[in-house]
Amino acid sequence: MQTLWLRCTNAVRVNALPWHIGFGLTLFLYIAYRAYALSITHDEAGTTDLLAFTYQDIIGSPRAFTSANNHILNSWLMKFCVSLFGDAEWVLRLPNVLAFPVYFWGCRKLSTCFSADAVIQSLILLIFCAHPYVIDFFSLCRGYGLALAFQSLAFVHSYQFLQHNKFKSISLAALMLAGSVFANLTWLNLLMAWWMALGLYFFFKEGIQGIFSRSLYFVVAAVMHALLAVVLWNPLQWIRAAGELRWGSNGWFDAQHSFSKDYLYTDNPWLAMFLQGVMFLVFVWMLRYSFRHRKELKTQQHFPLPVFLFLILVCCIAWSVGLRNFTDTFYPNGRKALMYFMLWDSMWISLILFLPNEKHHLKRIAASALVLMLSGMVLLQTNRVREWGYDNQTKFVFQWLSSYDTSQTTLLDVHWKFKPAMDYYLRHSGKQHWSIRRTDQADTSRKPDFVYTILEKDQHRLPYPVVLSLDEIRVLYKTQLNHP
């Protein structure tokens, strides 16, 4: 059993560290470039409103939690970086850019937990780190990149605990999970699933007595997370009052469909449904495999990491189902489901390692095909992010409009999706004579000079001259013929 999961026969034992450093550095430069070049996005612009708050108010004022934009640790680090370097886009994103080396290091450590084969380790590292949807969030001013970095370290220390039962390892794992939650409150779901998985692990290995006999291991972790609950109790209540816990999918199928689209980085519903079917089969296979080998797992000294991560996945799903049915909290979807990515990556890795050991070359071929697909998607995405793709040209549009700047008042009406990013660039332009309104809230008594909008389905173009057409749906109109 241990041989099946943790090592490969004919393992290639070479020093892969230089290659890993080169790959990590390449990805880091790619992320840093995107952090510099990408237009500010909708939610990032809303996050910058927190710069006006003190460090204490960021966590202690209800005004800071009128939406879920306040990812506390990210907000603190953003404010600190701005105090040092100014408020350019790359400065706002710097905390998450710097979180990527931490995430990469954690994933490299995890790759050694799965296999002793240097080639397989490299492919595992690619699977964890080259996913385009994950890469997106290390180039943005949101808390997701930071949370993923802490999550990778939490899994590393959890594995070390499974191997050696050390008090230090479980305490560090708990600390890393607390960091994830401070970076993004959505990771509370993962924290709860981690506790449930640990309970199931000890119950499975030693019965109910095992849970109580090992309770001293968890004193520091439990105290740490109890303090976390006290500190975050008010922010969670404020977010609930703002209705943010109802942001997500109402049904489980819809949540999985959204996750599949994001995982494949596509909006094709048929591809997403195909992946949903594959994920279901993999989930059933993992259940069947774990059940069939339960006796070996119970007697084995070192519990396999893939099985423990599968336990966390099962508990995560169970926890979210319970929240949906008993607290009216919607299922995480979109970016809120990022905590599932490493767990599902681990399932694909398990499939690769499950191939018979004499077929080790097939493992590399299968993993290489997956990695090439993911890497290709990364290279194609240099100027946009999936989650807020509509904002990829907002900076360009604002700069283009600046050429029309005169001493007269300029009024711009924009689609609500563009409003936060346009406001951000307006604040930094010094154009005090400009005004920006949402098209759905504009006062019809005053005609705008320009309209930048998204043509919804079946919507006809406005009866104004088009001065800039970015694609089939994003159009800039000039309404005043006498405007310069």
Protein backbone atom coordinates (compact mmCIF):
# COMPACT_ATOMS: atom_id res chain seq x y z
CA MET A 1 0.00 0.00 0.00
CA GLN A 2 2.71 2.45 0.97
CA THR A 3 4.69 1.50 -2.12
CA LEU A 4 1.67 2.17 -4.31
CA TRP A 5 1.09 5.68 -3.05
CA LEU A 6 4.43 7.05 -1.98
CA ARG A 7 7.07 5.82 -4.39
CA CYS A 8 7.58 4.47 -7.89
CA THR A 9 9.74 1.57 -8.96
CA ASN A 10 12.65 2.45 -11.23
CA ALA A 11 12.49 5.91 -9.66
CA VAL A 12 14.61 8.50 -11.40
CA ARG A 13 16.83 9.76 -8.61
CA VAL A 14 18.40 12.91 -9.99
CA ASN A 15 18.79 16.34 -8.50
CA ALA A 16 15.67 18.05 -9.78
CA LEU A 17 16.11 21.13 -7.56
CA PRO A 18 17.78 23.31 -10.27
CA TRP A 19 14.96 22.51 -12.68
CA HIS A 20 12.35 23.23 -10.04
CA ILE A 21 14.00 26.56 -9.18
CA GLY A 22 14.07 27.50 -12.87
CA PHE A 23 10.42 26.58 -13.32
CA GLY A 24 9.39 28.44 -10.18
CA LEU A 25 11.35 31.53 -11.19
CA THR A 26 9.76 31.50 -14.64
CA LEU A 27 6.27 31.34 -13.16
CA PHE A 28 7.15 34.03 -10.61
CA LEU A 29 8.32 36.43 -13.36
CA TYR A 30 5.17 35.66 -15.34
CA ILE A 31 3.01 36.45 -12.30
CA ALA A 32 4.99 39.63 -11.52
CA TYR A 33 4.62 40.84 -15.11
CA ARG A 34 0.87 40.29 -15.02
CA ALA A 35 0.63 42.11 -11.68
CA TYR A 36 2.27 45.09 -13.36
CA ALA A 37 0.43 44.95 -16.69
CA LEU A 38 -3.13 43.83 -15.90
CA SER A 39 -5.88 46.40 -15.72
CA ILE A 40 -7.36 46.78 -12.25
CA THR A 41 -10.41 44.55 -11.87
CA HIS A 42 -13.86 45.10 -10.42
CA ASP A 43 -13.30 43.59 -6.97
CA GLU A 44 -9.74 44.86 -6.69
CA ALA A 45 -10.99 48.41 -7.13
CA GLY A 46 -13.48 47.80 -4.32
CA THR A 47 -10.69 46.43 -2.14
CA THR A 48 -8.74 49.70 -2.48
CA ASP A 49 -11.55 51.48 -0.61
CA LEU A 50 -10.13 49.83 2.53
CA LEU A 51 -6.99 51.96 2.25
CA ALA A 52 -8.99 54.71 3.96
CA PHE A 53 -9.47 52.51 7.06
CA THR A 54 -7.02 52.09 9.93
CA TYR A 55 -5.48 48.66 10.56
CA GLN A 56 -7.78 48.25 13.55
CA ASP A 57 -10.91 49.26 11.63
CA ILE A 58 -10.11 46.81 8.83
CA ILE A 59 -10.93 43.99 11.24
CA GLY A 60 -13.06 45.79 13.85
CA SER A 61 -15.45 48.11 12.00
CA PRO A 62 -18.75 47.00 10.42
CA ARG A 63 -18.17 49.61 7.71
CA ALA A 64 -15.26 47.48 6.48
CA PHE A 65 -17.56 44.47 5.96
CA THR A 66 -20.43 45.84 3.91
CA SER A 67 -19.28 43.31 1.31
CA ALA A 68 -16.93 40.32 1.24
CA ASN A 69 -14.19 42.41 -0.42
CA ASN A 70 -12.34 42.69 2.89
CA HIS A 71 -9.89 39.81 2.99
CA ILE A 72 -8.32 40.88 6.27
CA LEU A 73 -4.69 39.80 5.89
CA ASN A 74 -4.61 40.96 2.28
CA SER A 75 -6.09 44.32 3.31
CA TRP A 76 -3.47 44.79 6.03
CA LEU A 77 -0.57 43.87 3.73
CA MET A 78 -1.97 46.00 0.90
CA LYS A 79 -2.16 49.02 3.22
CA PHE A 80 1.40 48.40 4.45
CA CYS A 81 2.81 48.10 0.90
CA VAL A 82 1.01 51.26 -0.21
CA SER A 83 2.54 53.14 2.73
CA LEU A 84 5.99 52.15 1.41
CA PHE A 85 5.68 52.30 -2.38
CA GLY A 86 2.52 54.20 -3.34
CA ASP A 87 -0.74 52.85 -4.72
CA ALA A 88 0.11 51.68 -8.24
CA GLU A 89 -1.52 48.45 -9.38
CA TRP A 90 1.64 46.35 -8.86
CA VAL A 91 2.00 47.65 -5.29
CA LEU A 92 -1.58 46.65 -4.43
CA ARG A 93 -0.87 43.16 -5.77
CA LEU A 94 2.58 42.75 -4.23
CA PRO A 95 1.48 40.64 -1.18
CA ASN A 96 -0.03 37.97 -3.43
CA VAL A 97 2.88 38.07 -5.87
CA LEU A 98 5.25 37.40 -2.96
CA ALA A 99 2.94 34.65 -1.70
CA PHE A 100 3.62 32.60 -4.83
CA PRO A 101 7.15 31.48 -3.83
CA VAL A 102 5.65 30.25 -0.54
CA TYR A 103 2.94 28.34 -2.42
CA PHE A 104 5.52 26.92 -4.82
CA TRP A 105 7.76 25.76 -1.97
CA GLY A 106 4.80 24.10 -0.23
CA CYS A 107 3.80 22.32 -3.44
CA ARG A 108 7.37 21.13 -4.01
CA LYS A 109 7.43 19.65 -0.51
CA LEU A 110 4.11 17.95 -1.24
CA SER A 111 5.48 16.47 -4.48
CA THR A 112 8.13 14.62 -2.45
CA CYS A 113 5.35 13.26 -0.23
CA PHE A 114 3.65 11.64 -3.23
CA SER A 115 6.64 10.08 -4.97
CA ALA A 116 10.41 9.52 -4.79
CA ASP A 117 10.71 9.68 -8.58
CA ALA A 118 12.23 13.03 -9.61
CA VAL A 119 10.33 13.07 -12.92
CA ILE A 120 7.02 12.36 -11.22
CA GLN A 121 7.79 15.01 -8.61
CA SER A 122 8.37 17.55 -11.37
CA LEU A 123 5.10 16.66 -13.07
CA ILE A 124 3.23 16.88 -9.77
CA LEU A 125 4.75 20.32 -9.21
CA LEU A 126 3.52 21.39 -12.64
CA ILE A 127 0.00 20.14 -11.92
CA PHE A 128 -0.16 22.09 -8.66
CA CYS A 129 1.47 25.30 -9.89
CA ALA A 130 0.73 25.68 -13.61
CA HIS A 131 -3.06 25.83 -13.38
CA PRO A 132 -4.15 29.09 -15.08
CA TYR A 133 -7.06 29.78 -12.74
CA VAL A 134 -4.79 29.44 -9.70
CA ILE A 135 -2.09 31.55 -11.36
CA ASP A 136 -4.62 34.35 -11.92
CA PHE A 137 -5.04 35.04 -8.22
CA PHE A 138 -1.35 35.48 -7.45
CA SER A 139 -1.40 38.51 -9.77
CA LEU A 140 -4.40 40.20 -8.13
CA CYS A 141 -5.07 42.27 -5.03
CA ARG A 142 -7.32 39.71 -3.35
CA GLY A 143 -6.75 37.28 -0.50
CA TYR A 144 -6.93 34.08 -2.56
CA GLY A 145 -3.24 33.78 -3.41
CA LEU A 146 -2.27 34.26 0.23
CA ALA A 147 -4.84 31.68 1.34
CA LEU A 148 -3.55 29.11 -1.17
CA ALA A 149 0.03 29.65 0.03
CA PHE A 150 -1.00 28.96 3.63
CA GLN A 151 -3.09 25.98 2.49
CA SER A 152 -0.09 24.34 0.81
CA LEU A 153 1.96 24.72 4.01
CA ALA A 154 -0.91 23.35 6.11
CA PHE A 155 -0.97 20.20 3.96
CA VAL A 156 2.81 19.81 4.27
CA HIS A 157 2.70 19.98 8.06
CA SER A 158 -0.35 17.70 8.17
CA TYR A 159 1.60 15.09 6.21
CA GLN A 160 4.54 15.40 8.59
CA PHE A 161 2.15 14.81 11.47
CA LEU A 162 0.74 11.71 9.78
CA GLN A 163 4.28 10.38 9.39
CA HIS A 164 5.76 11.20 12.78
CA ASN A 165 2.85 12.16 15.13
CA LYS A 166 4.75 15.23 16.25
CA PHE A 167 3.05 17.90 18.36
CA LYS A 168 4.98 20.61 16.48
CA SER A 169 3.68 19.50 13.09
CA ILE A 170 0.00 19.56 14.03
CA SER A 171 0.41 22.96 15.71
CA LEU A 172 2.10 24.40 12.60
CA ALA A 173 -0.61 22.94 10.37
CA ALA A 174 -3.26 24.62 12.53
CA LEU A 175 -1.34 27.91 12.40
CA MET A 176 -1.14 27.78 8.61
CA LEU A 177 -4.89 27.12 8.36
CA ALA A 178 -5.53 30.11 10.63
CA GLY A 179 -3.42 32.16 8.21
CA SER A 180 -5.57 30.95 5.31
CA VAL A 181 -8.72 32.05 7.11
CA PHE A 182 -7.26 35.49 7.88
CA ALA A 183 -6.35 35.79 4.21
CA ASN A 184 -9.85 34.76 3.11
CA LEU A 185 -12.79 33.85 5.35
CA THR A 186 -14.02 31.26 2.84
CA TRP A 187 -11.19 29.00 4.04
CA LEU A 188 -13.15 28.49 7.26
CA ASN A 189 -14.78 25.65 5.33
CA LEU A 190 -11.40 24.00 4.82
CA LEU A 191 -10.44 24.51 8.46
CA MET A 192 -13.59 22.76 9.65
CA ALA A 193 -13.07 19.93 7.13
CA TRP A 194 -9.49 19.51 8.39
CA TRP A 195 -10.73 18.99 11.97
CA MET A 196 -13.34 16.52 10.77
CA ALA A 197 -10.75 14.60 8.73
CA LEU A 198 -8.38 14.40 11.71
CA GLY A 199 -11.20 13.04 13.86
CA LEU A 200 -12.04 10.42 11.24
CA TYR A 201 -8.36 9.51 10.90
CA PHE A 202 -7.92 8.76 14.61
CA PHE A 203 -11.29 7.05 14.85
CA PHE A 204 -10.41 4.85 11.89
CA LYS A 205 -6.93 4.02 13.20
CA GLU A 206 -7.63 3.59 16.92
CA GLY A 207 -11.36 3.88 17.54
CA ILE A 208 -13.08 6.37 19.84
CA GLN A 209 -10.36 5.83 22.43
CA GLY A 210 -7.79 7.05 19.93
CA ILE A 211 -9.48 10.43 19.65
CA PHE A 212 -9.34 10.99 23.41
CA SER A 213 -5.87 9.51 23.88
CA ARG A 214 -4.48 11.90 21.28
CA SER A 215 -6.35 14.96 22.55
CA LEU A 216 -3.24 16.50 24.07
CA TYR A 217 -1.78 16.77 20.57
CA PHE A 218 -4.46 19.28 19.68
CA VAL A 219 -4.47 21.59 22.70
CA VAL A 220 -2.49 24.35 21.00
CA ALA A 221 -4.36 23.91 17.70
CA ALA A 222 -7.75 24.02 19.45
CA VAL A 223 -6.85 27.10 21.53
CA MET A 224 -5.49 28.80 18.43
CA HIS A 225 -8.65 28.20 16.43
CA ALA A 226 -10.89 29.11 19.38
CA LEU A 227 -9.14 32.50 19.55
CA LEU A 228 -9.56 32.79 15.78
CA ALA A 229 -13.31 32.22 16.18
CA VAL A 230 -13.51 34.94 18.85
CA VAL A 231 -11.61 37.45 16.70
CA LEU A 232 -13.62 36.72 13.56
CA TRP A 233 -17.05 36.35 15.14
CA ASN A 234 -18.13 39.95 14.51
CA PRO A 235 -16.78 40.11 10.92
CA LEU A 236 -18.68 36.92 10.11
CA GLN A 237 -21.90 38.36 11.53
CA TRP A 238 -21.43 41.58 9.56
CA ILE A 239 -20.85 39.64 6.34
CA ARG A 240 -23.91 37.51 7.02
CA ALA A 241 -26.00 40.64 7.63
CA ALA A 242 -24.80 42.03 4.30
CA GLY A 243 -26.12 38.90 2.56
CA GLU A 244 -22.67 37.82 1.36
CA LEU A 245 -23.11 34.22 2.51
CA ARG A 246 -25.84 33.88 -0.11
CA TRP A 247 -23.31 34.57 -2.85
CA GLY A 248 -22.70 31.22 -4.52
CA SER A 249 -24.66 28.36 -6.07
CA ASN A 250 -28.07 27.36 -4.81
CA GLY A 251 -27.67 23.72 -5.86
CA TRP A 252 -24.83 21.21 -5.69
CA PHE A 253 -24.90 20.44 -9.43
CA ASP A 254 -24.63 24.15 -10.28
CA ALA A 255 -21.69 24.53 -7.90
CA GLN A 256 -19.86 21.59 -9.50
CA HIS A 257 -20.66 22.88 -12.99
CA SER A 258 -19.18 26.27 -12.12
CA PHE A 259 -16.12 24.59 -10.59
CA SER A 260 -15.61 22.46 -13.71
CA LYS A 261 -15.70 25.51 -15.98
CA ASP A 262 -13.14 27.29 -13.85
CA TYR A 263 -10.96 24.20 -13.61
CA LEU A 264 -10.96 23.85 -17.40
CA TYR A 265 -10.72 27.64 -17.85
CA THR A 266 -13.59 27.57 -20.30
CA ASP A 267 -17.28 28.45 -20.53
CA ASN A 268 -18.10 25.43 -22.68
CA PRO A 269 -20.95 23.67 -20.81
CA TRP A 270 -20.36 20.29 -22.51
CA LEU A 271 -16.70 20.15 -21.51
CA ALA A 272 -17.71 21.14 -17.98
CA MET A 273 -20.32 18.38 -17.79
CA PHE A 274 -17.78 15.87 -19.10
CA LEU A 275 -15.35 16.85 -16.32
CA GLN A 276 -18.18 16.58 -13.78
CA GLY A 277 -18.73 13.00 -14.89
CA VAL A 278 -15.03 12.20 -14.66
CA MET A 279 -14.81 13.80 -11.21
CA PHE A 280 -17.74 11.68 -10.03
CA LEU A 281 -16.04 8.50 -11.27
CA VAL A 282 -12.75 9.46 -9.60
CA PHE A 283 -14.57 10.23 -6.36
CA VAL A 284 -16.32 6.84 -6.42
CA TRP A 285 -13.05 5.10 -7.25
CA MET A 286 -11.29 6.75 -4.29
CA LEU A 287 -14.13 5.71 -1.99
CA ARG A 288 -14.00 2.14 -3.29
CA TYR A 289 -10.21 1.96 -3.08
CA SER A 290 -10.08 3.34 0.46
CA PHE A 291 -12.79 0.92 1.57
CA ARG A 292 -11.16 -2.12 -0.04
CA HIS A 293 -7.80 -1.35 1.57
CA ARG A 294 -9.15 -0.23 4.92
CA LYS A 295 -7.40 -3.04 6.81
CA GLU A 296 -4.04 -2.16 5.28
CA LEU A 297 -4.62 1.51 6.00
CA LYS A 298 -5.51 0.73 9.61
CA THR A 299 -2.39 -1.31 10.29
CA GLN A 300 -0.01 0.84 8.26
CA GLN A 301 2.34 2.92 10.37
CA HIS A 302 2.37 5.88 7.98
CA PHE A 303 -1.02 7.01 6.66
CA PRO A 304 -0.88 7.86 2.91
CA LEU A 305 -1.20 11.55 2.10
CA PRO A 306 -3.63 11.09 -0.86
CA VAL A 307 -6.08 9.23 1.37
CA PHE A 308 -5.93 11.96 4.02
CA LEU A 309 -6.47 14.68 1.40
CA PHE A 310 -9.41 12.66 0.07
CA LEU A 311 -10.81 12.60 3.60
CA ILE A 312 -10.53 16.40 3.72
CA LEU A 313 -12.33 16.63 0.35
CA VAL A 314 -15.16 14.39 1.59
CA CYS A 315 -15.47 16.42 4.79
CA CYS A 316 -15.39 19.69 2.84
CA ILE A 317 -18.29 18.52 0.71
CA ALA A 318 -20.21 17.26 3.75
CA TRP A 319 -19.62 20.55 5.59
CA SER A 320 -20.83 22.67 2.67
CA VAL A 321 -23.93 20.49 2.25
CA GLY A 322 -24.68 20.92 5.95
CA LEU A 323 -24.24 24.69 5.76
CA ARG A 324 -26.52 24.89 2.74
CA ASN A 325 -29.32 22.92 4.40
CA PHE A 326 -29.10 24.24 7.96
CA THR A 327 -27.80 27.82 7.69
CA ASP A 328 -28.90 28.88 4.18
CA THR A 329 -25.28 29.46 3.18
CA PHE A 330 -24.90 28.88 -0.54
CA TYR A 331 -22.38 26.44 -2.02
CA PRO A 332 -18.99 28.00 -2.85
CA ASN A 333 -18.52 28.60 -6.55
CA GLY A 334 -16.20 30.61 -8.76
CA ARG A 335 -13.22 31.98 -6.88
CA LYS A 336 -14.72 30.91 -3.53
CA ALA A 337 -14.15 27.29 -4.59
CA LEU A 338 -10.38 27.77 -5.01
CA MET A 339 -9.79 25.85 -1.77
CA TYR A 340 -10.91 22.70 -3.66
CA PHE A 341 -8.26 23.01 -6.40
CA MET A 342 -5.35 21.47 -4.49
CA LEU A 343 -7.63 18.68 -3.26
CA TRP A 344 -8.74 17.77 -6.78
CA ASP A 345 -5.21 18.12 -8.11
CA SER A 346 -4.28 15.48 -5.54
CA MET A 347 -6.97 13.16 -6.91
CA TRP A 348 -5.54 13.36 -10.45
CA ILE A 349 -2.06 12.73 -9.05
CA SER A 350 -3.40 9.70 -7.21
CA LEU A 351 -4.80 8.35 -10.47
CA ILE A 352 -1.42 8.73 -12.15
CA LEU A 353 0.35 6.96 -9.30
CA PHE A 354 -2.30 4.23 -9.25
CA LEU A 355 -1.13 2.92 -12.63
CA PRO A 356 0.82 -0.31 -12.11
CA ASN A 357 4.40 0.30 -11.12
CA GLU A 358 5.72 -1.55 -14.17
CA LYS A 359 3.85 1.03 -16.26
CA HIS A 360 5.71 3.94 -14.70
CA HIS A 361 6.41 5.43 -18.15
CA LEU A 362 2.64 5.69 -18.70
CA LYS A 363 2.39 7.78 -15.56
CA ARG A 364 4.77 10.28 -17.02
CA ILE A 365 2.96 10.32 -20.35
CA ALA A 366 -0.44 10.83 -18.69
CA ALA A 367 0.88 13.53 -16.40
CA SER A 368 2.74 15.23 -19.24
CA ALA A 369 -0.43 15.44 -21.34
CA LEU A 370 -2.30 17.10 -18.46
CA VAL A 371 0.57 19.45 -17.72
CA LEU A 372 1.01 20.50 -21.35
CA MET A 373 -2.69 21.35 -21.53
CA LEU A 374 -2.56 23.47 -18.37
CA SER A 375 0.71 25.15 -19.32
CA GLY A 376 -0.63 25.99 -22.76
CA MET A 377 -3.65 27.70 -21.20
CA VAL A 378 -1.33 29.74 -18.95
CA LEU A 379 0.74 30.99 -21.87
CA LEU A 380 -2.39 32.10 -23.71
CA GLN A 381 -3.55 34.30 -20.81
CA THR A 382 -1.21 37.26 -20.55
CA ASN A 383 -3.61 40.21 -20.46
CA ARG A 384 -6.73 38.97 -18.71
CA VAL A 385 -8.04 36.94 -15.79
CA ARG A 386 -10.99 34.60 -16.06
CA GLU A 387 -12.97 35.88 -13.10
CA TRP A 388 -13.14 39.51 -14.25
CA GLY A 389 -12.28 39.15 -17.93
CA TYR A 390 -14.55 42.05 -18.87
CA ASP A 391 -12.15 44.47 -17.15
CA ASN A 392 -9.06 43.50 -19.15
CA GLN A 393 -9.35 46.63 -21.34
CA THR A 394 -10.72 49.11 -18.78
CA LYS A 395 -7.34 50.77 -18.28
CA PHE A 396 -6.87 51.11 -22.03
CA VAL A 397 -10.32 52.63 -22.47
CA PHE A 398 -9.69 55.18 -19.72
CA GLN A 399 -6.35 56.16 -21.24
CA TRP A 400 -7.96 56.43 -24.64
CA LEU A 401 -10.68 58.67 -23.23
CA SER A 402 -8.05 60.86 -21.61
CA SER A 403 -7.15 62.13 -25.07
CA TYR A 404 -10.56 63.89 -25.06
CA ASP A 405 -9.81 65.68 -21.80
CA THR A 406 -10.59 69.42 -21.93
CA SER A 407 -11.38 72.11 -19.42
CA GLN A 408 -15.08 71.41 -19.80
CA THR A 409 -16.93 68.86 -17.68
CA THR A 410 -16.85 65.36 -19.14
CA LEU A 411 -19.59 62.94 -18.13
CA LEU A 412 -19.11 59.23 -18.73
CA ASP A 413 -21.83 56.61 -18.29
CA VAL A 414 -20.55 53.04 -17.85
CA HIS A 415 -21.98 49.59 -17.35
CA TRP A 416 -22.04 48.68 -13.65
CA LYS A 417 -19.29 46.10 -14.19
CA PHE A 418 -16.85 48.81 -15.29
CA LYS A 419 -17.75 51.37 -12.61
CA PRO A 420 -15.32 50.39 -9.77
CA ALA A 421 -12.29 50.10 -12.07
CA MET A 422 -13.15 53.35 -13.86
CA ASP A 423 -13.51 55.11 -10.51
CA TYR A 424 -10.08 53.79 -9.49
CA TYR A 425 -8.42 55.24 -12.60
CA LEU A 426 -10.35 58.49 -12.26
CA ARG A 427 -9.06 58.96 -8.69
CA HIS A 428 -5.50 58.48 -9.90
CA SER A 429 -5.83 60.69 -12.98
CA GLY A 430 -6.37 64.03 -11.24
CA LYS A 431 -9.24 64.80 -13.63
CA GLN A 432 -11.49 66.58 -11.18
CA HIS A 433 -13.80 67.79 -13.93
CA TRP A 434 -14.74 64.25 -14.95
CA SER A 435 -17.79 62.41 -13.62
CA ILE A 436 -18.67 58.73 -13.98
CA ARG A 437 -22.15 57.25 -13.56
CA ARG A 438 -23.66 53.79 -13.87
CA THR A 439 -25.89 53.47 -16.91
CA ASP A 440 -28.63 51.83 -14.83
CA GLN A 441 -28.60 54.69 -12.30
CA ALA A 442 -27.96 57.69 -14.55
CA ASP A 443 -30.06 60.83 -14.37
CA THR A 444 -31.74 61.04 -17.77
CA SER A 445 -32.08 64.80 -17.46
CA ARG A 446 -28.40 65.14 -18.34
CA LYS A 447 -27.01 63.47 -21.40
CA PRO A 448 -23.56 61.88 -21.01
CA ASP A 449 -20.66 62.72 -23.30
CA PHE A 450 -19.62 59.08 -23.62
CA VAL A 451 -21.19 55.71 -22.89
CA TYR A 452 -19.03 52.63 -22.28
CA THR A 453 -21.26 49.61 -21.99
CA ILE A 454 -21.71 45.88 -22.46
CA LEU A 455 -24.34 44.85 -24.96
CA GLU A 456 -26.48 42.27 -23.21
CA LYS A 457 -28.06 39.38 -25.09
CA ASP A 458 -30.51 40.58 -27.78
CA GLN A 459 -29.75 44.21 -26.90
CA HIS A 460 -29.48 46.61 -29.83
CA ARG A 461 -26.66 49.10 -30.17
CA LEU A 462 -27.31 52.59 -28.88
CA PRO A 463 -28.17 55.29 -31.46
CA TYR A 464 -24.79 57.02 -31.09
CA PRO A 465 -21.56 56.93 -33.10
CA VAL A 466 -19.21 54.14 -32.04
CA VAL A 467 -15.73 55.49 -31.34
CA LEU A 468 -14.22 52.31 -29.88
CA SER A 469 -15.31 48.71 -30.26
CA LEU A 470 -13.26 46.27 -28.21
CA ASP A 471 -15.20 43.16 -29.19
CA GLU A 472 -18.75 42.15 -30.06
CA ILE A 473 -20.20 43.27 -26.72
CA ARG A 474 -17.95 46.01 -25.26
CA VAL A 475 -18.58 49.29 -27.03
CA LEU A 476 -17.71 52.94 -26.36
CA TYR A 477 -20.10 55.55 -27.76
CA LYS A 478 -19.65 59.29 -28.22
CA THR A 479 -22.99 61.01 -27.72
CA GLN A 480 -22.05 64.69 -28.08
CA LEU A 481 -21.06 65.52 -31.61
CA ASN A 482 -19.66 68.91 -30.54
CA HIS A 483 -17.46 67.31 -27.86
CA PRO A 484 -13.75 67.46 -28.76
